[in-house]
Amino acid sequence: EDFHAVIDGMEMDVVGDIRAPDDATLDT
């Protein structure tokens, strides 16, 4: 699950450019 979490984080940058995320999204 930790390897998957790393991939999930990278996907957050792929789905759309992260711009001014809320605090909860930034923490995720």
PDB file of all heavy atoms in Angstrom:
ATOM      1  N   GLU A   1       0.807  -1.220   0.000  1.00  0.00           N
ATOM      2  CA  GLU A   1       0.000   0.000   0.000  1.00  0.00           C
ATOM      3  C   GLU A   1       0.841   1.271   0.000  1.00  0.00           C
ATOM      4  O   GLU A   1       0.388   2.317  -0.474  1.00  0.00           O
ATOM      5  CB  GLU A   1      -0.965   0.013   1.190  1.00  0.00           C
ATOM      6  CG  GLU A   1      -0.326  -0.120   2.547  1.00  0.00           C
ATOM      7  CD  GLU A   1      -0.351  -1.545   3.077  1.00  0.00           C
ATOM      8  OE1 GLU A   1      -0.243  -2.490   2.259  1.00  0.00           O
ATOM      9  OE2 GLU A   1      -0.490  -1.706   4.312  1.00  0.00           O
ATOM     10  N   ASP A   2       2.064   1.172   0.520  1.00  0.00           N
ATOM     11  CA  ASP A   2       2.925   2.357   0.499  1.00  0.00           C
ATOM     12  C   ASP A   2       3.448   2.631  -0.906  1.00  0.00           C
ATOM     13  O   ASP A   2       3.559   3.791  -1.323  1.00  0.00           O
ATOM     14  CB  ASP A   2       4.069   2.207   1.496  1.00  0.00           C
ATOM     15  CG  ASP A   2       3.588   2.226   2.937  1.00  0.00           C
ATOM     16  OD1 ASP A   2       2.629   2.963   3.220  1.00  0.00           O
ATOM     17  OD2 ASP A   2       4.154   1.500   3.776  1.00  0.00           O
ATOM     18  N   PHE A   3       3.771   1.591  -1.663  1.00  0.00           N
ATOM     19  CA  PHE A   3       4.145   1.790  -3.064  1.00  0.00           C
ATOM     20  C   PHE A   3       2.969   2.372  -3.843  1.00  0.00           C
ATOM     21  O   PHE A   3       3.133   3.301  -4.647  1.00  0.00           O
ATOM     22  CB  PHE A   3       4.574   0.457  -3.703  1.00  0.00           C
ATOM     23  CG  PHE A   3       5.919  -0.038  -3.274  1.00  0.00           C
ATOM     24  CD1 PHE A   3       6.048  -1.091  -2.372  1.00  0.00           C
ATOM     25  CD2 PHE A   3       7.083   0.540  -3.775  1.00  0.00           C
ATOM     26  CE1 PHE A   3       7.293  -1.560  -1.989  1.00  0.00           C
ATOM     27  CE2 PHE A   3       8.343   0.081  -3.392  1.00  0.00           C
ATOM     28  CZ  PHE A   3       8.440  -0.977  -2.486  1.00  0.00           C
ATOM     29  N   HIS A   4       1.788   1.845  -3.595  1.00  0.00           N
ATOM     30  CA  HIS A   4       0.602   2.359  -4.278  1.00  0.00           C
ATOM     31  C   HIS A   4       0.348   3.816  -3.916  1.00  0.00           C
ATOM     32  O   HIS A   4      -0.074   4.607  -4.768  1.00  0.00           O
ATOM     33  CB  HIS A   4      -0.613   1.502  -3.937  1.00  0.00           C
ATOM     34  CG  HIS A   4      -0.755   0.287  -4.790  1.00  0.00           C
ATOM     35  ND1 HIS A   4      -1.182   0.341  -6.097  1.00  0.00           N
ATOM     36  CD2 HIS A   4      -0.522  -1.032  -4.534  1.00  0.00           C
ATOM     37  CE1 HIS A   4      -1.215  -0.883  -6.606  1.00  0.00           C
ATOM     38  NE2 HIS A   4      -0.804  -1.738  -5.679  1.00  0.00           N
ATOM     39  N   ALA A   5       0.577   4.167  -2.656  1.00  0.00           N
ATOM     40  CA  ALA A   5       0.362   5.554  -2.236  1.00  0.00           C
ATOM     41  C   ALA A   5       1.280   6.504  -2.993  1.00  0.00           C
ATOM     42  O   ALA A   5       0.860   7.603  -3.389  1.00  0.00           O
ATOM     43  CB  ALA A   5       0.583   5.686  -0.728  1.00  0.00           C
ATOM     44  N   VAL A   6       2.527   6.103  -3.189  1.00  0.00           N
ATOM     45  CA  VAL A   6       3.454   6.945  -3.953  1.00  0.00           C
ATOM     46  C   VAL A   6       2.923   7.163  -5.372  1.00  0.00           C
ATOM     47  O   VAL A   6       2.904   8.289  -5.884  1.00  0.00           O
ATOM     48  CB  VAL A   6       4.861   6.318  -3.998  1.00  0.00           C
ATOM     49  CG1 VAL A   6       5.786   7.149  -4.891  1.00  0.00           C
ATOM     50  CG2 VAL A   6       5.452   6.210  -2.595  1.00  0.00           C
ATOM     51  N   ILE A   7       2.459   6.096  -6.001  1.00  0.00           N
ATOM     52  CA  ILE A   7       1.915   6.204  -7.352  1.00  0.00           C
ATOM     53  C   ILE A   7       0.677   7.103  -7.350  1.00  0.00           C
ATOM     54  O   ILE A   7       0.495   7.936  -8.245  1.00  0.00           O
ATOM     55  CB  ILE A   7       1.582   4.815  -7.918  1.00  0.00           C
ATOM     56  CG1 ILE A   7       2.852   3.966  -8.029  1.00  0.00           C
ATOM     57  CG2 ILE A   7       0.902   4.930  -9.280  1.00  0.00           C
ATOM     58  CD1 ILE A   7       2.597   2.499  -8.360  1.00  0.00           C
ATOM     59  N   ASP A   8      -0.183   6.949  -6.325  1.00  0.00           N
ATOM     60  CA  ASP A   8      -1.373   7.793  -6.224  1.00  0.00           C
ATOM     61  C   ASP A   8      -0.998   9.266  -6.145  1.00  0.00           C
ATOM     62  O   ASP A   8      -1.666  10.126  -6.735  1.00  0.00           O
ATOM     63  CB  ASP A   8      -2.188   7.406  -4.986  1.00  0.00           C
ATOM     64  CG  ASP A   8      -2.847   6.042  -5.107  1.00  0.00           C
ATOM     65  OD1 ASP A   8      -2.915   5.504  -6.237  1.00  0.00           O
ATOM     66  OD2 ASP A   8      -3.285   5.503  -4.065  1.00  0.00           O
ATOM     67  N   GLY A   9       0.054   9.569  -5.392  1.00  0.00           N
ATOM     68  CA  GLY A   9       0.498  10.958  -5.287  1.00  0.00           C
ATOM     69  C   GLY A   9       0.974  11.503  -6.615  1.00  0.00           C
ATOM     70  O   GLY A   9       0.672  12.647  -6.978  1.00  0.00           O
ATOM     71  N   MET A  10       1.718  10.684  -7.357  1.00  0.00           N
ATOM     72  CA  MET A  10       2.174  11.123  -8.666  1.00  0.00           C
ATOM     73  C   MET A  10       0.984  11.343  -9.602  1.00  0.00           C
ATOM     74  O   MET A  10       0.982  12.276 -10.417  1.00  0.00           O
ATOM     75  CB  MET A  10       3.132  10.088  -9.266  1.00  0.00           C
ATOM     76  CG  MET A  10       4.377   9.822  -8.438  1.00  0.00           C
ATOM     77  SD  MET A  10       5.312  11.333  -8.073  1.00  0.00           S
ATOM     78  CE  MET A  10       6.487  10.698  -6.861  1.00  0.00           C
ATOM     79  N   GLU A  11      -0.038  10.512  -9.459  1.00  0.00           N
ATOM     80  CA  GLU A  11      -1.215  10.661 -10.312  1.00  0.00           C
ATOM     81  C   GLU A  11      -1.953  11.967 -10.028  1.00  0.00           C
ATOM     82  O   GLU A  11      -2.595  12.531 -10.921  1.00  0.00           O
ATOM     83  CB  GLU A  11      -2.158   9.478 -10.128  1.00  0.00           C
ATOM     84  CG  GLU A  11      -3.289   9.452 -11.139  1.00  0.00           C
ATOM     85  CD  GLU A  11      -4.098   8.180 -11.084  1.00  0.00           C
ATOM     86  OE1 GLU A  11      -4.464   7.768  -9.967  1.00  0.00           O
ATOM     87  OE2 GLU A  11      -4.343   7.581 -12.153  1.00  0.00           O
ATOM     88  N   MET A  12      -1.878  12.452  -8.792  1.00  0.00           N
ATOM     89  CA  MET A  12      -2.505  13.734  -8.476  1.00  0.00           C
ATOM     90  C   MET A  12      -1.938  14.848  -9.340  1.00  0.00           C
ATOM     91  O   MET A  12      -2.636  15.800  -9.697  1.00  0.00           O
ATOM     92  CB  MET A  12      -2.323  14.065  -6.992  1.00  0.00           C
ATOM     93  CG  MET A  12      -3.104  13.169  -6.058  1.00  0.00           C
ATOM     94  SD  MET A  12      -2.763  13.491  -4.301  1.00  0.00           S
ATOM     95  CE  MET A  12      -3.553  15.106  -4.089  1.00  0.00           C
ATOM     96  N   ASP A  13      -0.654  14.744  -9.704  1.00  0.00           N
ATOM     97  CA  ASP A  13      -0.020  15.740 -10.574  1.00  0.00           C
ATOM     98  C   ASP A  13      -0.361  15.515 -12.039  1.00  0.00           C
ATOM     99  O   ASP A  13      -0.155  16.402 -12.865  1.00  0.00           O
ATOM    100  CB  ASP A  13       1.506  15.701 -10.409  1.00  0.00           C
ATOM    101  CG  ASP A  13       1.983  16.504  -9.214  1.00  0.00           C
ATOM    102  OD1 ASP A  13       1.403  17.572  -8.950  1.00  0.00           O
ATOM    103  OD2 ASP A  13       2.929  16.060  -8.545  1.00  0.00           O
ATOM    104  N   VAL A  14      -0.844  14.318 -12.374  1.00  0.00           N
ATOM    105  CA  VAL A  14      -1.131  13.971 -13.764  1.00  0.00           C
ATOM    106  C   VAL A  14      -2.577  14.279 -14.137  1.00  0.00           C
ATOM    107  O   VAL A  14      -2.858  14.780 -15.225  1.00  0.00           O
ATOM    108  CB  VAL A  14      -0.821  12.483 -14.029  1.00  0.00           C
ATOM    109  CG1 VAL A  14      -1.301  12.063 -15.416  1.00  0.00           C
ATOM    110  CG2 VAL A  14       0.677  12.217 -13.885  1.00  0.00           C
ATOM    111  N   VAL A  15      -3.499  13.993 -13.224  1.00  0.00           N
ATOM    112  CA  VAL A  15      -4.922  14.210 -13.502  1.00  0.00           C
ATOM    113  C   VAL A  15      -5.165  15.657 -13.908  1.00  0.00           C
ATOM    114  O   VAL A  15      -5.939  15.956 -14.818  1.00  0.00           O
ATOM    115  CB  VAL A  15      -5.770  13.834 -12.272  1.00  0.00           C
ATOM    116  CG1 VAL A  15      -7.222  14.256 -12.466  1.00  0.00           C
ATOM    117  CG2 VAL A  15      -5.686  12.339 -12.019  1.00  0.00           C
ATOM    118  N   GLY A  16      -4.517  16.574 -13.234  1.00  0.00           N
ATOM    119  CA  GLY A  16      -4.606  18.001 -13.554  1.00  0.00           C
ATOM    120  C   GLY A  16      -3.534  18.717 -12.771  1.00  0.00           C
ATOM    121  O   GLY A  16      -3.107  18.233 -11.709  1.00  0.00           O
ATOM    122  N   ASP A  17      -3.066  19.847 -13.273  1.00  0.00           N
ATOM    123  CA  ASP A  17      -2.034  20.585 -12.552  1.00  0.00           C
ATOM    124  C   ASP A  17      -2.596  21.054 -11.215  1.00  0.00           C
ATOM    125  O   ASP A  17      -3.622  21.736 -11.161  1.00  0.00           O
ATOM    126  CB  ASP A  17      -1.569  21.789 -13.374  1.00  0.00           C
ATOM    127  CG  ASP A  17      -0.816  21.371 -14.625  1.00  0.00           C
ATOM    128  OD1 ASP A  17      -0.067  20.381 -14.549  1.00  0.00           O
ATOM    129  OD2 ASP A  17      -0.995  22.019 -15.670  1.00  0.00           O
ATOM    130  N   ILE A  18      -1.928  20.694 -10.139  1.00  0.00           N
ATOM    131  CA  ILE A  18      -2.369  21.099  -8.807  1.00  0.00           C
ATOM    132  C   ILE A  18      -2.156  22.598  -8.655  1.00  0.00           C
ATOM    133  O   ILE A  18      -1.050  23.105  -8.848  1.00  0.00           O
ATOM    134  CB  ILE A  18      -1.605  20.326  -7.720  1.00  0.00           C
ATOM    135  CG1 ILE A  18      -1.931  18.835  -7.803  1.00  0.00           C
ATOM    136  CG2 ILE A  18      -1.945  20.867  -6.333  1.00  0.00           C
ATOM    137  CD1 ILE A  18      -1.192  17.978  -6.795  1.00  0.00           C
ATOM    138  N   ARG A  19      -3.241  23.280  -8.301  1.00  0.00           N
ATOM    139  CA  ARG A  19      -3.152  24.725  -8.093  1.00  0.00           C
ATOM    140  C   ARG A  19      -3.943  25.105  -6.849  1.00  0.00           C
ATOM    141  O   ARG A  19      -5.145  24.893  -6.790  1.00  0.00           O
ATOM    142  CB  ARG A  19      -3.708  25.490  -9.298  1.00  0.00           C
ATOM    143  CG  ARG A  19      -2.847  25.379 -10.546  1.00  0.00           C
ATOM    144  CD  ARG A  19      -3.302  26.367 -11.607  1.00  0.00           C
ATOM    145  NE  ARG A  19      -2.439  26.342 -12.774  1.00  0.00           N
ATOM    146  CZ  ARG A  19      -2.527  27.212 -13.776  1.00  0.00           C
ATOM    147  NH1 ARG A  19      -3.448  28.174 -13.743  1.00  0.00           N
ATOM    148  NH2 ARG A  19      -1.708  27.129 -14.811  1.00  0.00           N
ATOM    149  N   ALA A  20      -3.249  25.629  -5.865  1.00  0.00           N
ATOM    150  CA  ALA A  20      -3.870  26.100  -4.628  1.00  0.00           C
ATOM    151  C   ALA A  20      -4.804  25.043  -4.039  1.00  0.00           C
ATOM    152  O   ALA A  20      -6.007  25.285  -3.885  1.00  0.00           O
ATOM    153  CB  ALA A  20      -4.610  27.417  -4.858  1.00  0.00           C
ATOM    154  N   PRO A  21      -4.308  23.875  -3.705  1.00  0.00           N
ATOM    155  CA  PRO A  21      -5.159  22.836  -3.109  1.00  0.00           C
ATOM    156  C   PRO A  21      -5.617  23.266  -1.719  1.00  0.00           C
ATOM    157  O   PRO A  21      -4.959  24.082  -1.061  1.00  0.00           O
ATOM    158  CB  PRO A  21      -4.213  21.635  -3.023  1.00  0.00           C
ATOM    159  CG  PRO A  21      -2.854  22.259  -2.855  1.00  0.00           C
ATOM    160  CD  PRO A  21      -2.879  23.489  -3.723  1.00  0.00           C
ATOM    161  N   ASP A  22      -6.744  22.731  -1.262  1.00  0.00           N
ATOM    162  CA  ASP A  22      -7.117  23.013   0.120  1.00  0.00           C
ATOM    163  C   ASP A  22      -6.172  22.247   1.035  1.00  0.00           C
ATOM    164  O   ASP A  22      -5.405  21.377   0.591  1.00  0.00           O
ATOM    165  CB  ASP A  22      -8.584  22.676   0.391  1.00  0.00           C
ATOM    166  CG  ASP A  22      -8.935  21.220   0.123  1.00  0.00           C
ATOM    167  OD1 ASP A  22      -8.117  20.325   0.439  1.00  0.00           O
ATOM    168  OD2 ASP A  22     -10.025  20.970  -0.402  1.00  0.00           O
ATOM    169  N   ASP A  23      -6.204  22.575   2.320  1.00  0.00           N
ATOM    170  CA  ASP A  23      -5.244  21.988   3.255  1.00  0.00           C
ATOM    171  C   ASP A  23      -5.328  20.457   3.293  1.00  0.00           C
ATOM    172  O   ASP A  23      -4.306  19.782   3.375  1.00  0.00           O
ATOM    173  CB  ASP A  23      -5.470  22.544   4.665  1.00  0.00           C
ATOM    174  CG  ASP A  23      -4.773  23.886   4.879  1.00  0.00           C
ATOM    175  OD1 ASP A  23      -3.676  24.071   4.330  1.00  0.00           O
ATOM    176  OD2 ASP A  23      -5.323  24.728   5.607  1.00  0.00           O
ATOM    177  N   ALA A  24      -6.547  19.933   3.219  1.00  0.00           N
ATOM    178  CA  ALA A  24      -6.712  18.484   3.273  1.00  0.00           C
ATOM    179  C   ALA A  24      -6.093  17.814   2.057  1.00  0.00           C
ATOM    180  O   ALA A  24      -5.432  16.767   2.170  1.00  0.00           O
ATOM    181  CB  ALA A  24      -8.196  18.127   3.376  1.00  0.00           C
ATOM    182  N   THR A  25      -6.280  18.413   0.880  1.00  0.00           N
ATOM    183  CA  THR A  25      -5.697  17.850  -0.345  1.00  0.00           C
ATOM    184  C   THR A  25      -4.175  17.945  -0.311  1.00  0.00           C
ATOM    185  O   THR A  25      -3.477  17.006  -0.705  1.00  0.00           O
ATOM    186  CB  THR A  25      -6.248  18.574  -1.583  1.00  0.00           C
ATOM    187  OG1 THR A  25      -7.675  18.434  -1.606  1.00  0.00           O
ATOM    188  CG2 THR A  25      -5.661  18.000  -2.857  1.00  0.00           C
ATOM    189  N   LEU A  26      -3.671  19.075   0.169  1.00  0.00           N
ATOM    190  CA  LEU A  26      -2.217  19.230   0.275  1.00  0.00           C
ATOM    191  C   LEU A  26      -1.641  18.185   1.220  1.00  0.00           C
ATOM    192  O   LEU A  26      -0.593  17.589   0.940  1.00  0.00           O
ATOM    193  CB  LEU A  26      -1.869  20.628   0.761  1.00  0.00           C
ATOM    194  CG  LEU A  26      -0.369  20.895   0.991  1.00  0.00           C
ATOM    195  CD1 LEU A  26       0.429  20.722  -0.299  1.00  0.00           C
ATOM    196  CD2 LEU A  26      -0.147  22.295   1.575  1.00  0.00           C
ATOM    197  N   ASP A  27      -2.326  17.938   2.332  1.00  0.00           N
ATOM    198  CA  ASP A  27      -1.822  16.953   3.280  1.00  0.00           C
ATOM    199  C   ASP A  27      -1.856  15.550   2.679  1.00  0.00           C
ATOM    200  O   ASP A  27      -0.930  14.755   2.893  1.00  0.00           O
ATOM    201  CB  ASP A  27      -2.639  16.993   4.566  1.00  0.00           C
ATOM    202  CG  ASP A  27      -1.969  16.202   5.679  1.00  0.00           C
ATOM    203  OD1 ASP A  27      -0.858  16.580   6.100  1.00  0.00           O
ATOM    204  OD2 ASP A  27      -2.547  15.185   6.116  1.00  0.00           O
ATOM    205  N   THR A  28      -2.913  15.252   1.924  1.00  0.00           N
ATOM    206  CA  THR A  28      -2.977  13.954   1.236  1.00  0.00           C
ATOM    207  C   THR A  28      -1.814  13.819   0.262  1.00  0.00           C
ATOM    208  O   THR A  28      -1.171  12.757   0.170  1.00  0.00           O
ATOM    209  CB  THR A  28      -4.309  13.810   0.476  1.00  0.00           C
ATOM    210  OG1 THR A  28      -5.377  13.797   1.423  1.00  0.00           O
ATOM    211  CG2 THR A  28      -4.346  12.524  -0.342  1.00  0.00           C
TER     212      THR A  28
END
